[in-house]
Amino acid sequence: PPLVGIAYNDSVYYLARKTLFRGVTKWLYSRWNAIPVDRDAPDMSSLKKIIKILKSGEQVVVFPEGARTLDGDLQPGEAGVGLIAAKSRAMIQPIRIFGAFEALPRGSGRLRFHPITIVVGDPITLTPEEKKAKGREAYQAISDRIMAEIAKIKHPSED
């Protein structure tokens, strides 16, 4: 998460899985403004906190897929991302990270030396209909739109 945060001048908040908040990493993630989220059983208190932070004008880094990829490809976004976007009505800044899978494959636990490139896409503003969205299906549609915009972001070497 901090790799993305260095692209911003202001402080940002992050979502991080609840299991990271143990021992030394609990102290570290708290200093990074990380918000613990239970990926297996997300609760409304975490979502409400995120929405409140966004409505106050702060920035929150959300990884819409919910976890690092197992194969290096983009995965479908979670419906909760659409819920956060609709309820907060915040502008969405799509970001794509290239090389993270090669540098630290999920489940390997071994950091490899590989360049990581972070590319920021054009901002996304929800339509009036999306801002009024309700229900899992509508939230998933917003998440799908966000993921489609992220998929359009190309590595600088592809230009």
N, C-alpha and C. Protein backbone atom coordinates (compact mmCIF):
# COMPACT_ATOMS: atom_id res chain seq x y z
N PRO A 1 0.78 -1.23 0.00
CA PRO A 1 0.00 0.00 0.00
C PRO A 1 0.82 1.29 0.00
N PRO A 2 1.90 1.38 0.76
CA PRO A 2 2.63 2.65 0.78
C PRO A 2 3.22 3.03 -0.58
N LEU A 3 3.48 2.07 -1.44
CA LEU A 3 3.99 2.40 -2.77
C LEU A 3 3.03 3.31 -3.51
N VAL A 4 1.76 3.06 -3.38
CA VAL A 4 0.75 3.89 -4.04
C VAL A 4 0.66 5.24 -3.34
N GLY A 5 0.74 5.25 -2.03
CA GLY A 5 0.59 6.48 -1.26
C GLY A 5 1.65 7.52 -1.53
N ILE A 6 2.85 7.10 -1.94
CA ILE A 6 3.90 8.08 -2.19
C ILE A 6 3.62 8.93 -3.42
N ALA A 7 2.63 8.54 -4.21
CA ALA A 7 2.26 9.32 -5.39
C ALA A 7 1.43 10.55 -5.01
N TYR A 8 1.02 10.65 -3.76
CA TYR A 8 0.16 11.74 -3.32
C TYR A 8 0.90 12.66 -2.35
N ASN A 9 0.62 13.96 -2.43
CA ASN A 9 1.23 14.93 -1.53
C ASN A 9 0.61 14.86 -0.14
N ASP A 10 -0.69 14.64 -0.07
CA ASP A 10 -1.39 14.57 1.21
C ASP A 10 -1.36 13.15 1.76
N SER A 11 -1.68 13.03 3.05
CA SER A 11 -1.73 11.70 3.63
C SER A 11 -2.93 10.95 3.06
N VAL A 12 -2.79 9.65 3.00
CA VAL A 12 -3.86 8.80 2.49
C VAL A 12 -4.12 7.68 3.49
N TYR A 13 -5.30 7.11 3.40
CA TYR A 13 -5.67 5.95 4.19
C TYR A 13 -5.62 4.73 3.26
N TYR A 14 -5.46 3.57 3.85
CA TYR A 14 -5.39 2.32 3.10
C TYR A 14 -6.34 1.31 3.72
N LEU A 15 -6.79 0.39 2.91
CA LEU A 15 -7.50 -0.77 3.43
C LEU A 15 -6.48 -1.90 3.48
N ALA A 16 -6.48 -2.62 4.58
CA ALA A 16 -5.56 -3.75 4.73
C ALA A 16 -6.29 -4.88 5.45
N ARG A 17 -5.96 -6.09 5.06
CA ARG A 17 -6.66 -7.23 5.68
C ARG A 17 -6.37 -7.27 7.18
N LYS A 18 -7.38 -7.62 7.92
CA LYS A 18 -7.35 -7.62 9.38
C LYS A 18 -6.20 -8.45 9.94
N THR A 19 -5.85 -9.53 9.28
CA THR A 19 -4.82 -10.43 9.79
C THR A 19 -3.43 -9.79 9.82
N LEU A 20 -3.25 -8.66 9.13
CA LEU A 20 -1.95 -7.97 9.16
C LEU A 20 -1.75 -7.17 10.44
N PHE A 21 -2.81 -6.96 11.20
CA PHE A 21 -2.74 -6.14 12.40
C PHE A 21 -2.40 -6.99 13.62
N ARG A 22 -1.18 -7.55 13.60
CA ARG A 22 -0.67 -8.37 14.70
C ARG A 22 0.78 -7.99 14.97
N GLY A 23 1.16 -7.97 16.23
CA GLY A 23 2.55 -7.72 16.59
C GLY A 23 3.10 -6.42 16.01
N VAL A 24 4.32 -6.50 15.48
CA VAL A 24 5.01 -5.32 14.93
C VAL A 24 4.25 -4.76 13.73
N THR A 25 3.67 -5.63 12.91
CA THR A 25 2.97 -5.12 11.73
C THR A 25 1.72 -4.33 12.12
N LYS A 26 1.13 -4.61 13.28
CA LYS A 26 -0.01 -3.82 13.75
C LYS A 26 0.44 -2.38 13.94
N TRP A 27 1.57 -2.19 14.59
CA TRP A 27 2.11 -0.84 14.82
C TRP A 27 2.40 -0.16 13.48
N LEU A 28 3.03 -0.90 12.58
CA LEU A 28 3.41 -0.34 11.28
C LEU A 28 2.19 0.06 10.46
N TYR A 29 1.23 -0.83 10.34
CA TYR A 29 0.03 -0.53 9.54
C TYR A 29 -0.79 0.61 10.15
N SER A 30 -0.80 0.71 11.47
CA SER A 30 -1.50 1.82 12.11
C SER A 30 -0.84 3.15 11.76
N ARG A 31 0.48 3.17 11.68
CA ARG A 31 1.21 4.39 11.31
C ARG A 31 0.97 4.76 9.85
N TRP A 32 0.61 3.80 9.03
CA TRP A 32 0.34 4.04 7.61
C TRP A 32 -1.12 4.42 7.37
N ASN A 33 -1.88 4.69 8.43
CA ASN A 33 -3.30 5.01 8.31
C ASN A 33 -4.09 3.87 7.68
N ALA A 34 -3.70 2.65 7.97
CA ALA A 34 -4.41 1.50 7.41
C ALA A 34 -5.68 1.22 8.22
N ILE A 35 -6.70 0.83 7.52
CA ILE A 35 -7.99 0.49 8.12
C ILE A 35 -8.15 -1.02 7.99
N PRO A 36 -8.27 -1.74 9.12
CA PRO A 36 -8.40 -3.20 9.03
C PRO A 36 -9.75 -3.62 8.45
N VAL A 37 -9.70 -4.57 7.53
CA VAL A 37 -10.90 -5.10 6.89
C VAL A 37 -10.84 -6.62 6.94
N ASP A 38 -11.91 -7.23 7.39
CA ASP A 38 -12.01 -8.69 7.39
C ASP A 38 -12.52 -9.11 6.02
N ARG A 39 -11.63 -9.68 5.20
CA ARG A 39 -12.02 -10.05 3.83
C ARG A 39 -13.02 -11.19 3.81
N ASP A 40 -12.99 -12.04 4.83
CA ASP A 40 -13.91 -13.18 4.84
C ASP A 40 -15.30 -12.80 5.32
N ALA A 41 -15.38 -11.80 6.17
CA ALA A 41 -16.68 -11.36 6.70
C ALA A 41 -16.67 -9.85 6.88
N PRO A 42 -16.70 -9.11 5.75
CA PRO A 42 -16.67 -7.65 5.86
C PRO A 42 -17.86 -7.13 6.67
N ASP A 43 -17.58 -6.19 7.56
CA ASP A 43 -18.67 -5.63 8.35
C ASP A 43 -18.94 -4.19 7.95
N MET A 44 -20.13 -3.74 8.26
CA MET A 44 -20.54 -2.40 7.87
C MET A 44 -19.76 -1.32 8.62
N SER A 45 -19.23 -1.64 9.80
CA SER A 45 -18.51 -0.60 10.55
C SER A 45 -17.26 -0.16 9.80
N SER A 46 -16.54 -1.09 9.18
CA SER A 46 -15.37 -0.72 8.38
C SER A 46 -15.79 0.09 7.16
N LEU A 47 -16.84 -0.35 6.48
CA LEU A 47 -17.32 0.37 5.30
C LEU A 47 -17.79 1.77 5.66
N LYS A 48 -18.51 1.90 6.78
CA LYS A 48 -18.97 3.22 7.21
C LYS A 48 -17.79 4.14 7.53
N LYS A 49 -16.75 3.58 8.14
CA LYS A 49 -15.57 4.39 8.46
C LYS A 49 -14.91 4.89 7.18
N ILE A 50 -14.78 4.02 6.19
CA ILE A 50 -14.17 4.38 4.91
C ILE A 50 -14.99 5.48 4.22
N ILE A 51 -16.30 5.29 4.20
CA ILE A 51 -17.19 6.27 3.55
C ILE A 51 -17.10 7.62 4.26
N LYS A 52 -17.06 7.60 5.59
CA LYS A 52 -16.95 8.84 6.37
C LYS A 52 -15.64 9.57 6.04
N ILE A 53 -14.55 8.83 5.96
CA ILE A 53 -13.24 9.42 5.62
C ILE A 53 -13.30 10.06 4.24
N LEU A 54 -13.87 9.36 3.27
CA LEU A 54 -13.98 9.90 1.91
C LEU A 54 -14.87 11.13 1.86
N LYS A 55 -15.98 11.10 2.57
CA LYS A 55 -16.89 12.26 2.58
C LYS A 55 -16.25 13.48 3.22
N SER A 56 -15.26 13.25 4.10
CA SER A 56 -14.57 14.38 4.74
C SER A 56 -13.50 14.98 3.83
N GLY A 57 -13.33 14.38 2.64
CA GLY A 57 -12.37 14.92 1.68
C GLY A 57 -11.01 14.24 1.70
N GLU A 58 -10.84 13.27 2.57
CA GLU A 58 -9.58 12.53 2.62
C GLU A 58 -9.54 11.51 1.48
N GLN A 59 -8.34 10.97 1.25
CA GLN A 59 -8.15 9.98 0.19
C GLN A 59 -7.96 8.60 0.81
N VAL A 60 -8.56 7.60 0.18
CA VAL A 60 -8.44 6.22 0.64
C VAL A 60 -7.99 5.37 -0.54
N VAL A 61 -6.92 4.61 -0.33
CA VAL A 61 -6.44 3.68 -1.35
C VAL A 61 -7.18 2.36 -1.15
N VAL A 62 -7.89 1.95 -2.20
CA VAL A 62 -8.66 0.71 -2.15
C VAL A 62 -8.18 -0.18 -3.29
N PHE A 63 -7.85 -1.40 -2.98
CA PHE A 63 -7.50 -2.37 -4.01
C PHE A 63 -8.77 -3.13 -4.34
N PRO A 64 -9.42 -2.80 -5.46
CA PRO A 64 -10.77 -3.31 -5.74
C PRO A 64 -10.87 -4.83 -5.86
N GLU A 65 -9.74 -5.49 -6.15
CA GLU A 65 -9.78 -6.95 -6.28
C GLU A 65 -9.83 -7.63 -4.92
N GLY A 66 -9.46 -6.91 -3.87
CA GLY A 66 -9.52 -7.46 -2.53
C GLY A 66 -8.29 -8.22 -2.09
N ALA A 67 -7.47 -8.66 -3.01
CA ALA A 67 -6.26 -9.41 -2.68
C ALA A 67 -5.34 -9.40 -3.89
N ARG A 68 -4.08 -9.72 -3.63
CA ARG A 68 -3.14 -9.78 -4.76
C ARG A 68 -3.50 -10.95 -5.66
N THR A 69 -3.21 -10.78 -6.93
CA THR A 69 -3.53 -11.79 -7.94
C THR A 69 -2.70 -13.06 -7.76
N LEU A 70 -3.29 -14.18 -8.11
CA LEU A 70 -2.58 -15.46 -8.06
C LEU A 70 -1.80 -15.73 -9.34
N ASP A 71 -2.17 -15.04 -10.44
CA ASP A 71 -1.55 -15.33 -11.74
C ASP A 71 -0.97 -14.12 -12.45
N GLY A 72 -1.03 -12.95 -11.84
CA GLY A 72 -0.49 -11.75 -12.47
C GLY A 72 -1.50 -10.97 -13.29
N ASP A 73 -2.67 -11.55 -13.54
CA ASP A 73 -3.72 -10.87 -14.31
C ASP A 73 -4.66 -10.11 -13.38
N LEU A 74 -5.31 -9.08 -13.92
CA LEU A 74 -6.34 -8.39 -13.15
C LEU A 74 -7.46 -9.36 -12.82
N GLN A 75 -8.01 -9.22 -11.63
CA GLN A 75 -9.11 -10.06 -11.18
C GLN A 75 -10.38 -9.20 -11.13
N PRO A 76 -11.55 -9.82 -11.03
CA PRO A 76 -12.78 -9.02 -10.89
C PRO A 76 -12.74 -8.20 -9.60
N GLY A 77 -13.33 -7.03 -9.64
CA GLY A 77 -13.43 -6.20 -8.44
C GLY A 77 -14.54 -6.70 -7.53
N GLU A 78 -14.43 -6.37 -6.28
CA GLU A 78 -15.45 -6.75 -5.29
C GLU A 78 -16.60 -5.73 -5.30
N ALA A 79 -17.80 -6.20 -5.02
CA ALA A 79 -18.98 -5.32 -5.00
C ALA A 79 -18.85 -4.22 -3.96
N GLY A 80 -18.13 -4.48 -2.88
CA GLY A 80 -17.95 -3.48 -1.83
C GLY A 80 -17.31 -2.20 -2.33
N VAL A 81 -16.48 -2.31 -3.35
CA VAL A 81 -15.85 -1.13 -3.94
C VAL A 81 -16.92 -0.24 -4.57
N GLY A 82 -17.87 -0.85 -5.24
CA GLY A 82 -18.97 -0.10 -5.82
C GLY A 82 -19.83 0.55 -4.75
N LEU A 83 -20.05 -0.15 -3.66
CA LEU A 83 -20.81 0.40 -2.54
C LEU A 83 -20.11 1.63 -1.99
N ILE A 84 -18.80 1.52 -1.75
CA ILE A 84 -18.02 2.65 -1.23
C ILE A 84 -18.10 3.83 -2.19
N ALA A 85 -17.94 3.56 -3.47
CA ALA A 85 -17.98 4.63 -4.47
C ALA A 85 -19.34 5.31 -4.50
N ALA A 86 -20.41 4.52 -4.49
CA ALA A 86 -21.76 5.08 -4.57
C ALA A 86 -22.12 5.88 -3.32
N LYS A 87 -21.81 5.33 -2.16
CA LYS A 87 -22.19 5.98 -0.90
C LYS A 87 -21.35 7.22 -0.62
N SER A 88 -20.08 7.20 -0.97
CA SER A 88 -19.20 8.34 -0.68
C SER A 88 -19.29 9.42 -1.75
N ARG A 89 -19.65 8.99 -2.97
CA ARG A 89 -19.70 9.89 -4.13
C ARG A 89 -18.35 10.54 -4.40
N ALA A 90 -17.30 9.90 -3.96
CA ALA A 90 -15.95 10.43 -4.14
C ALA A 90 -15.46 10.19 -5.57
N MET A 91 -14.60 11.06 -6.03
CA MET A 91 -13.96 10.86 -7.33
C MET A 91 -13.02 9.66 -7.19
N ILE A 92 -12.93 8.87 -8.23
CA ILE A 92 -12.12 7.65 -8.20
C ILE A 92 -10.90 7.87 -9.09
N GLN A 93 -9.73 7.61 -8.53
CA GLN A 93 -8.49 7.75 -9.28
C GLN A 93 -7.95 6.34 -9.55
N PRO A 94 -8.17 5.81 -10.75
CA PRO A 94 -7.69 4.45 -11.03
C PRO A 94 -6.17 4.41 -11.12
N ILE A 95 -5.61 3.38 -10.53
CA ILE A 95 -4.16 3.19 -10.52
C ILE A 95 -3.89 1.73 -10.86
N ARG A 96 -2.87 1.51 -11.66
CA ARG A 96 -2.49 0.13 -11.98
C ARG A 96 -1.03 -0.07 -11.61
N ILE A 97 -0.77 -1.18 -10.96
CA ILE A 97 0.58 -1.52 -10.52
C ILE A 97 1.10 -2.65 -11.40
N PHE A 98 2.20 -2.40 -12.06
CA PHE A 98 2.84 -3.41 -12.91
C PHE A 98 4.09 -3.94 -12.19
N GLY A 99 4.27 -5.25 -12.20
CA GLY A 99 5.47 -5.86 -11.64
C GLY A 99 5.34 -6.37 -10.22
N ALA A 100 4.24 -6.07 -9.54
CA ALA A 100 4.08 -6.52 -8.16
C ALA A 100 4.01 -8.04 -8.07
N PHE A 101 3.35 -8.66 -9.03
CA PHE A 101 3.24 -10.13 -9.02
C PHE A 101 4.61 -10.77 -9.15
N GLU A 102 5.43 -10.21 -10.04
CA GLU A 102 6.78 -10.75 -10.25
C GLU A 102 7.69 -10.48 -9.05
N ALA A 103 7.49 -9.34 -8.39
CA ALA A 103 8.33 -8.98 -7.24
C ALA A 103 7.96 -9.76 -5.99
N LEU A 104 6.67 -10.01 -5.80
CA LEU A 104 6.22 -10.72 -4.61
C LEU A 104 4.97 -11.53 -4.93
N PRO A 105 5.15 -12.70 -5.55
CA PRO A 105 3.99 -13.52 -5.89
C PRO A 105 3.19 -13.89 -4.64
N ARG A 106 1.89 -13.84 -4.75
CA ARG A 106 1.02 -14.16 -3.63
C ARG A 106 1.29 -15.58 -3.15
N GLY A 107 1.50 -15.69 -1.85
CA GLY A 107 1.73 -17.00 -1.26
C GLY A 107 3.19 -17.42 -1.20
N SER A 108 4.07 -16.72 -1.91
CA SER A 108 5.47 -17.15 -1.95
C SER A 108 6.23 -16.71 -0.70
N GLY A 109 5.93 -15.51 -0.20
CA GLY A 109 6.65 -15.01 0.96
C GLY A 109 8.07 -14.57 0.65
N ARG A 110 8.47 -14.65 -0.61
CA ARG A 110 9.84 -14.27 -1.00
C ARG A 110 9.79 -13.05 -1.90
N LEU A 111 10.51 -12.03 -1.49
CA LEU A 111 10.62 -10.82 -2.29
C LEU A 111 11.68 -11.04 -3.35
N ARG A 112 11.34 -10.73 -4.59
CA ARG A 112 12.28 -10.86 -5.70
C ARG A 112 12.56 -9.46 -6.25
N PHE A 113 13.77 -9.26 -6.74
CA PHE A 113 14.11 -7.98 -7.33
C PHE A 113 13.50 -7.90 -8.72
N HIS A 114 12.52 -7.03 -8.84
CA HIS A 114 11.84 -6.83 -10.12
C HIS A 114 11.29 -5.41 -10.11
N PRO A 115 11.43 -4.68 -11.20
CA PRO A 115 10.91 -3.31 -11.20
C PRO A 115 9.39 -3.27 -11.04
N ILE A 116 8.94 -2.30 -10.27
CA ILE A 116 7.52 -2.07 -10.08
C ILE A 116 7.20 -0.70 -10.66
N THR A 117 6.18 -0.65 -11.49
CA THR A 117 5.76 0.60 -12.12
C THR A 117 4.32 0.88 -11.72
N ILE A 118 4.08 2.09 -11.22
CA ILE A 118 2.74 2.51 -10.83
C ILE A 118 2.28 3.56 -11.82
N VAL A 119 1.14 3.31 -12.47
CA VAL A 119 0.61 4.23 -13.48
C VAL A 119 -0.77 4.71 -13.03
N VAL A 120 -0.95 6.03 -13.05
CA VAL A 120 -2.20 6.65 -12.63
C VAL A 120 -3.04 6.95 -13.87
N GLY A 121 -4.28 6.49 -13.87
CA GLY A 121 -5.19 6.73 -14.99
C GLY A 121 -6.01 8.00 -14.81
N ASP A 122 -6.87 8.25 -15.76
CA ASP A 122 -7.75 9.42 -15.70
C ASP A 122 -8.82 9.22 -14.62
N PRO A 123 -9.18 10.29 -13.91
CA PRO A 123 -10.20 10.18 -12.86
C PRO A 123 -11.54 9.68 -13.40
N ILE A 124 -12.24 8.97 -12.54
CA ILE A 124 -13.57 8.46 -12.85
C ILE A 124 -14.57 9.19 -11.96
N THR A 125 -15.61 9.72 -12.57
CA THR A 125 -16.70 10.32 -11.82
C THR A 125 -17.94 9.46 -12.06
N LEU A 126 -18.61 9.12 -11.00
CA LEU A 126 -19.82 8.31 -11.15
C LEU A 126 -20.93 9.12 -11.81
N THR A 127 -21.76 8.42 -12.56
CA THR A 127 -22.94 9.05 -13.16
C THR A 127 -23.97 9.32 -12.06
N PRO A 128 -24.94 10.19 -12.31
CA PRO A 128 -25.99 10.41 -11.31
C PRO A 128 -26.72 9.11 -10.93
N GLU A 129 -26.91 8.23 -11.90
CA GLU A 129 -27.57 6.95 -11.62
C GLU A 129 -26.70 6.08 -10.72
N GLU A 130 -25.39 6.05 -10.99
CA GLU A 130 -24.48 5.24 -10.16
C GLU A 130 -24.43 5.77 -8.73
N LYS A 131 -24.50 7.09 -8.56
CA LYS A 131 -24.47 7.69 -7.22
C LYS A 131 -25.70 7.31 -6.41
N LYS A 132 -26.80 6.97 -7.08
CA LYS A 132 -28.04 6.57 -6.40
C LYS A 132 -28.16 5.06 -6.29
N ALA A 133 -27.16 4.33 -6.77
CA ALA A 133 -27.22 2.86 -6.83
C ALA A 133 -27.48 2.24 -5.46
N LYS A 134 -28.23 1.16 -5.49
CA LYS A 134 -28.50 0.38 -4.29
C LYS A 134 -28.53 -1.09 -4.69
N GLY A 135 -28.02 -1.92 -3.82
CA GLY A 135 -28.06 -3.36 -4.04
C GLY A 135 -26.77 -3.91 -4.62
N ARG A 136 -26.52 -5.15 -4.30
CA ARG A 136 -25.28 -5.82 -4.68
C ARG A 136 -25.03 -5.78 -6.19
N GLU A 137 -26.07 -6.02 -6.98
CA GLU A 137 -25.91 -6.04 -8.43
C GLU A 137 -25.46 -4.67 -8.96
N ALA A 138 -26.05 -3.61 -8.46
CA ALA A 138 -25.68 -2.25 -8.88
C ALA A 138 -24.26 -1.91 -8.43
N TYR A 139 -23.92 -2.31 -7.20
CA TYR A 139 -22.57 -2.05 -6.70
C TYR A 139 -21.53 -2.83 -7.50
N GLN A 140 -21.88 -4.06 -7.88
CA GLN A 140 -20.96 -4.86 -8.69
C GLN A 140 -20.76 -4.22 -10.06
N ALA A 141 -21.81 -3.65 -10.63
CA ALA A 141 -21.69 -2.98 -11.93
C ALA A 141 -20.73 -1.79 -11.85
N ILE A 142 -20.79 -1.04 -10.75
CA ILE A 142 -19.85 0.08 -10.56
C ILE A 142 -18.43 -0.46 -10.44
N SER A 143 -18.26 -1.50 -9.65
CA SER A 143 -16.94 -2.12 -9.50
C SER A 143 -16.41 -2.62 -10.83
N ASP A 144 -17.27 -3.22 -11.63
CA ASP A 144 -16.87 -3.71 -12.96
C ASP A 144 -16.41 -2.56 -13.84
N ARG A 145 -17.11 -1.43 -13.76
CA ARG A 145 -16.72 -0.26 -14.55
C ARG A 145 -15.34 0.25 -14.11
N ILE A 146 -15.12 0.29 -12.81
CA ILE A 146 -13.82 0.72 -12.29
C ILE A 146 -12.72 -0.21 -12.78
N MET A 147 -12.95 -1.52 -12.72
CA MET A 147 -11.95 -2.48 -13.17
C MET A 147 -11.70 -2.35 -14.67
N ALA A 148 -12.74 -2.04 -15.45
CA ALA A 148 -12.57 -1.85 -16.90
C ALA A 148 -11.67 -0.65 -17.17
N GLU A 149 -11.82 0.41 -16.37
CA GLU A 149 -10.96 1.59 -16.53
C GLU A 149 -9.53 1.27 -16.13
N ILE A 150 -9.35 0.49 -15.08
CA ILE A 150 -8.01 0.08 -14.67
C ILE A 150 -7.37 -0.77 -15.77
N ALA A 151 -8.14 -1.65 -16.38
CA ALA A 151 -7.62 -2.51 -17.45
C ALA A 151 -7.13 -1.70 -18.65
N LYS A 152 -7.70 -0.52 -18.86
CA LYS A 152 -7.28 0.34 -19.98
C LYS A 152 -5.91 0.99 -19.75
N ILE A 153 -5.47 1.02 -18.51
CA ILE A 153 -4.18 1.64 -18.20
C ILE A 153 -3.07 0.74 -18.70
N LYS A 154 -2.20 1.28 -19.51
CA LYS A 154 -1.11 0.51 -20.10
C LYS A 154 0.23 0.85 -19.43
N HIS A 155 1.13 -0.10 -19.47
CA HIS A 155 2.50 0.13 -19.00
C HIS A 155 3.14 1.16 -19.92
N PRO A 156 3.94 2.08 -19.38
CA PRO A 156 4.58 3.10 -20.23
C PRO A 156 5.36 2.53 -21.42
N SER A 157 5.88 1.33 -21.30
CA SER A 157 6.64 0.73 -22.41
C SER A 157 5.74 0.33 -23.57
N GLU A 158 4.41 0.28 -23.34
CA GLU A 158 3.46 -0.10 -24.39
C GLU A 158 3.00 1.09 -25.22
N ASP A 159 3.37 2.29 -24.81
CA ASP A 159 2.94 3.49 -25.56
C ASP A 159 3.70 3.66 -26.85
